Amino acid sequence: MAVIGAVFGELVGARAGLGYLLTRAMAQFQTERVIAAIFLLSLMGVGLFAIVAVSERLLLPWRRAGEPE
């Protein structure tokens, strides 16, 4: 959710970042840049989620005790 919030903040009022790039590319009909920005943002979101999930698994071993196997 943090990635979505950051992108929305950039869409509303920023002068740099992927959200700003996305807005500029849409206004100039640069489809390749729009697709690239969406791909990078999706990759960032999935990557950050995976990092948090792995960190939780490593740092909180007692959480796994309640999971069925």
C-alpha atoms as a PDB file:
ATOM      1  CA  MET A   1       0.000   0.000   0.000  1.00  0.00           C
ATOM      2  CA  ALA A   2       2.944   2.330   0.602  1.00  0.00           C
ATOM      3  CA  VAL A   3       3.953   2.171  -3.063  1.00  0.00           C
ATOM      4  CA  ILE A   4       0.425   3.125  -4.121  1.00  0.00           C
ATOM      5  CA  GLY A   5       0.403   6.031  -1.666  1.00  0.00           C
ATOM      6  CA  ALA A   6       3.774   7.290  -2.864  1.00  0.00           C
ATOM      7  CA  VAL A   7       2.728   7.120  -6.517  1.00  0.00           C
ATOM      8  CA  PHE A   8      -0.534   8.907  -5.786  1.00  0.00           C
ATOM      9  CA  GLY A   9       1.408  11.626  -3.973  1.00  0.00           C
ATOM     10  CA  GLU A  10       3.671  11.993  -6.990  1.00  0.00           C
ATOM     11  CA  LEU A  11       0.689  12.127  -9.331  1.00  0.00           C
ATOM     12  CA  VAL A  12      -0.872  14.945  -7.328  1.00  0.00           C
ATOM     13  CA  GLY A  13       2.075  17.245  -6.873  1.00  0.00           C
ATOM     14  CA  ALA A  14       5.627  16.249  -7.641  1.00  0.00           C
ATOM     15  CA  ARG A  15       8.351  17.271 -10.036  1.00  0.00           C
ATOM     16  CA  ALA A  16      10.253  13.969 -10.048  1.00  0.00           C
ATOM     17  CA  GLY A  17       9.634  10.262  -9.634  1.00  0.00           C
ATOM     18  CA  LEU A  18       7.806   7.474 -11.406  1.00  0.00           C
ATOM     19  CA  GLY A  19       4.379   8.988 -10.750  1.00  0.00           C
ATOM     20  CA  TYR A  20       5.487  12.237 -12.347  1.00  0.00           C
ATOM     21  CA  LEU A  21       6.991  10.314 -15.281  1.00  0.00           C
ATOM     22  CA  LEU A  22       3.728   8.424 -15.672  1.00  0.00           C
ATOM     23  CA  THR A  23       1.694  11.647 -15.741  1.00  0.00           C
ATOM     24  CA  ARG A  24       4.002  13.304 -18.279  1.00  0.00           C
ATOM     25  CA  ALA A  25       4.089  10.229 -20.511  1.00  0.00           C
ATOM     26  CA  MET A  26       0.280   9.965 -20.509  1.00  0.00           C
ATOM     27  CA  ALA A  27      -0.075  13.635 -21.446  1.00  0.00           C
ATOM     28  CA  GLN A  28       2.389  13.223 -24.321  1.00  0.00           C
ATOM     29  CA  PHE A  29       0.858   9.913 -25.530  1.00  0.00           C
ATOM     30  CA  GLN A  30       4.112   8.001 -24.931  1.00  0.00           C
ATOM     31  CA  THR A  31       2.610   4.560 -24.499  1.00  0.00           C
ATOM     32  CA  GLU A  32       5.966   2.802 -24.118  1.00  0.00           C
ATOM     33  CA  ARG A  33       6.928   4.982 -21.152  1.00  0.00           C
ATOM     34  CA  VAL A  34       3.517   4.530 -19.524  1.00  0.00           C
ATOM     35  CA  ILE A  35       3.820   0.742 -19.791  1.00  0.00           C
ATOM     36  CA  ALA A  36       7.416   0.842 -18.520  1.00  0.00           C
ATOM     37  CA  ALA A  37       6.442   3.007 -15.531  1.00  0.00           C
ATOM     38  CA  ILE A  38       3.518   0.723 -14.655  1.00  0.00           C
ATOM     39  CA  PHE A  39       5.785  -2.327 -14.975  1.00  0.00           C
ATOM     40  CA  LEU A  40       8.429  -0.786 -12.692  1.00  0.00           C
ATOM     41  CA  LEU A  41       5.830   0.267 -10.120  1.00  0.00           C
ATOM     42  CA  SER A  42       4.308  -3.222 -10.138  1.00  0.00           C
ATOM     43  CA  LEU A  43       7.737  -4.781  -9.768  1.00  0.00           C
ATOM     44  CA  MET A  44       8.518  -2.469  -6.855  1.00  0.00           C
ATOM     45  CA  GLY A  45       5.239  -3.303  -5.121  1.00  0.00           C
ATOM     46  CA  VAL A  46       5.676  -7.063  -5.471  1.00  0.00           C
ATOM     47  CA  GLY A  47       9.353  -6.856  -4.501  1.00  0.00           C
ATOM     48  CA  LEU A  48       8.689  -4.822  -1.371  1.00  0.00           C
ATOM     49  CA  PHE A  49       5.872  -7.175  -0.369  1.00  0.00           C
ATOM     50  CA  ALA A  50       8.189 -10.173  -0.808  1.00  0.00           C
ATOM     51  CA  ILE A  51      10.927  -8.523   1.257  1.00  0.00           C
ATOM     52  CA  VAL A  52       8.490  -7.850   4.099  1.00  0.00           C
ATOM     53  CA  ALA A  53       7.080 -11.399   3.924  1.00  0.00           C
ATOM     54  CA  VAL A  54      10.546 -12.981   4.043  1.00  0.00           C
ATOM     55  CA  SER A  55      11.648 -10.643   6.831  1.00  0.00           C
ATOM     56  CA  GLU A  56       8.553 -11.510   8.852  1.00  0.00           C
ATOM     57  CA  ARG A  57       9.219 -15.217   8.367  1.00  0.00           C
ATOM     58  CA  LEU A  58      12.856 -14.884   9.489  1.00  0.00           C
ATOM     59  CA  LEU A  59      12.394 -12.421  12.342  1.00  0.00           C
ATOM     60  CA  LEU A  60       9.176 -13.809  13.844  1.00  0.00           C
ATOM     61  CA  PRO A  61       9.587 -17.602  14.030  1.00  0.00           C
ATOM     62  CA  TRP A  62       6.823 -17.924  16.652  1.00  0.00           C
ATOM     63  CA  ARG A  63       4.275 -16.771  14.059  1.00  0.00           C
ATOM     64  CA  ARG A  64       4.948 -19.958  12.047  1.00  0.00           C
ATOM     65  CA  ALA A  65       4.190 -22.183  15.040  1.00  0.00           C
ATOM     66  CA  GLY A  66       0.446 -21.654  14.598  1.00  0.00           C
ATOM     67  CA  GLU A  67       0.406 -22.369  10.848  1.00  0.00           C
ATOM     68  CA  PRO A  68      -0.917 -25.733   9.719  1.00  0.00           C
ATOM     69  CA  GLU A  69       1.543 -27.807   7.712  1.00  0.00           C
END
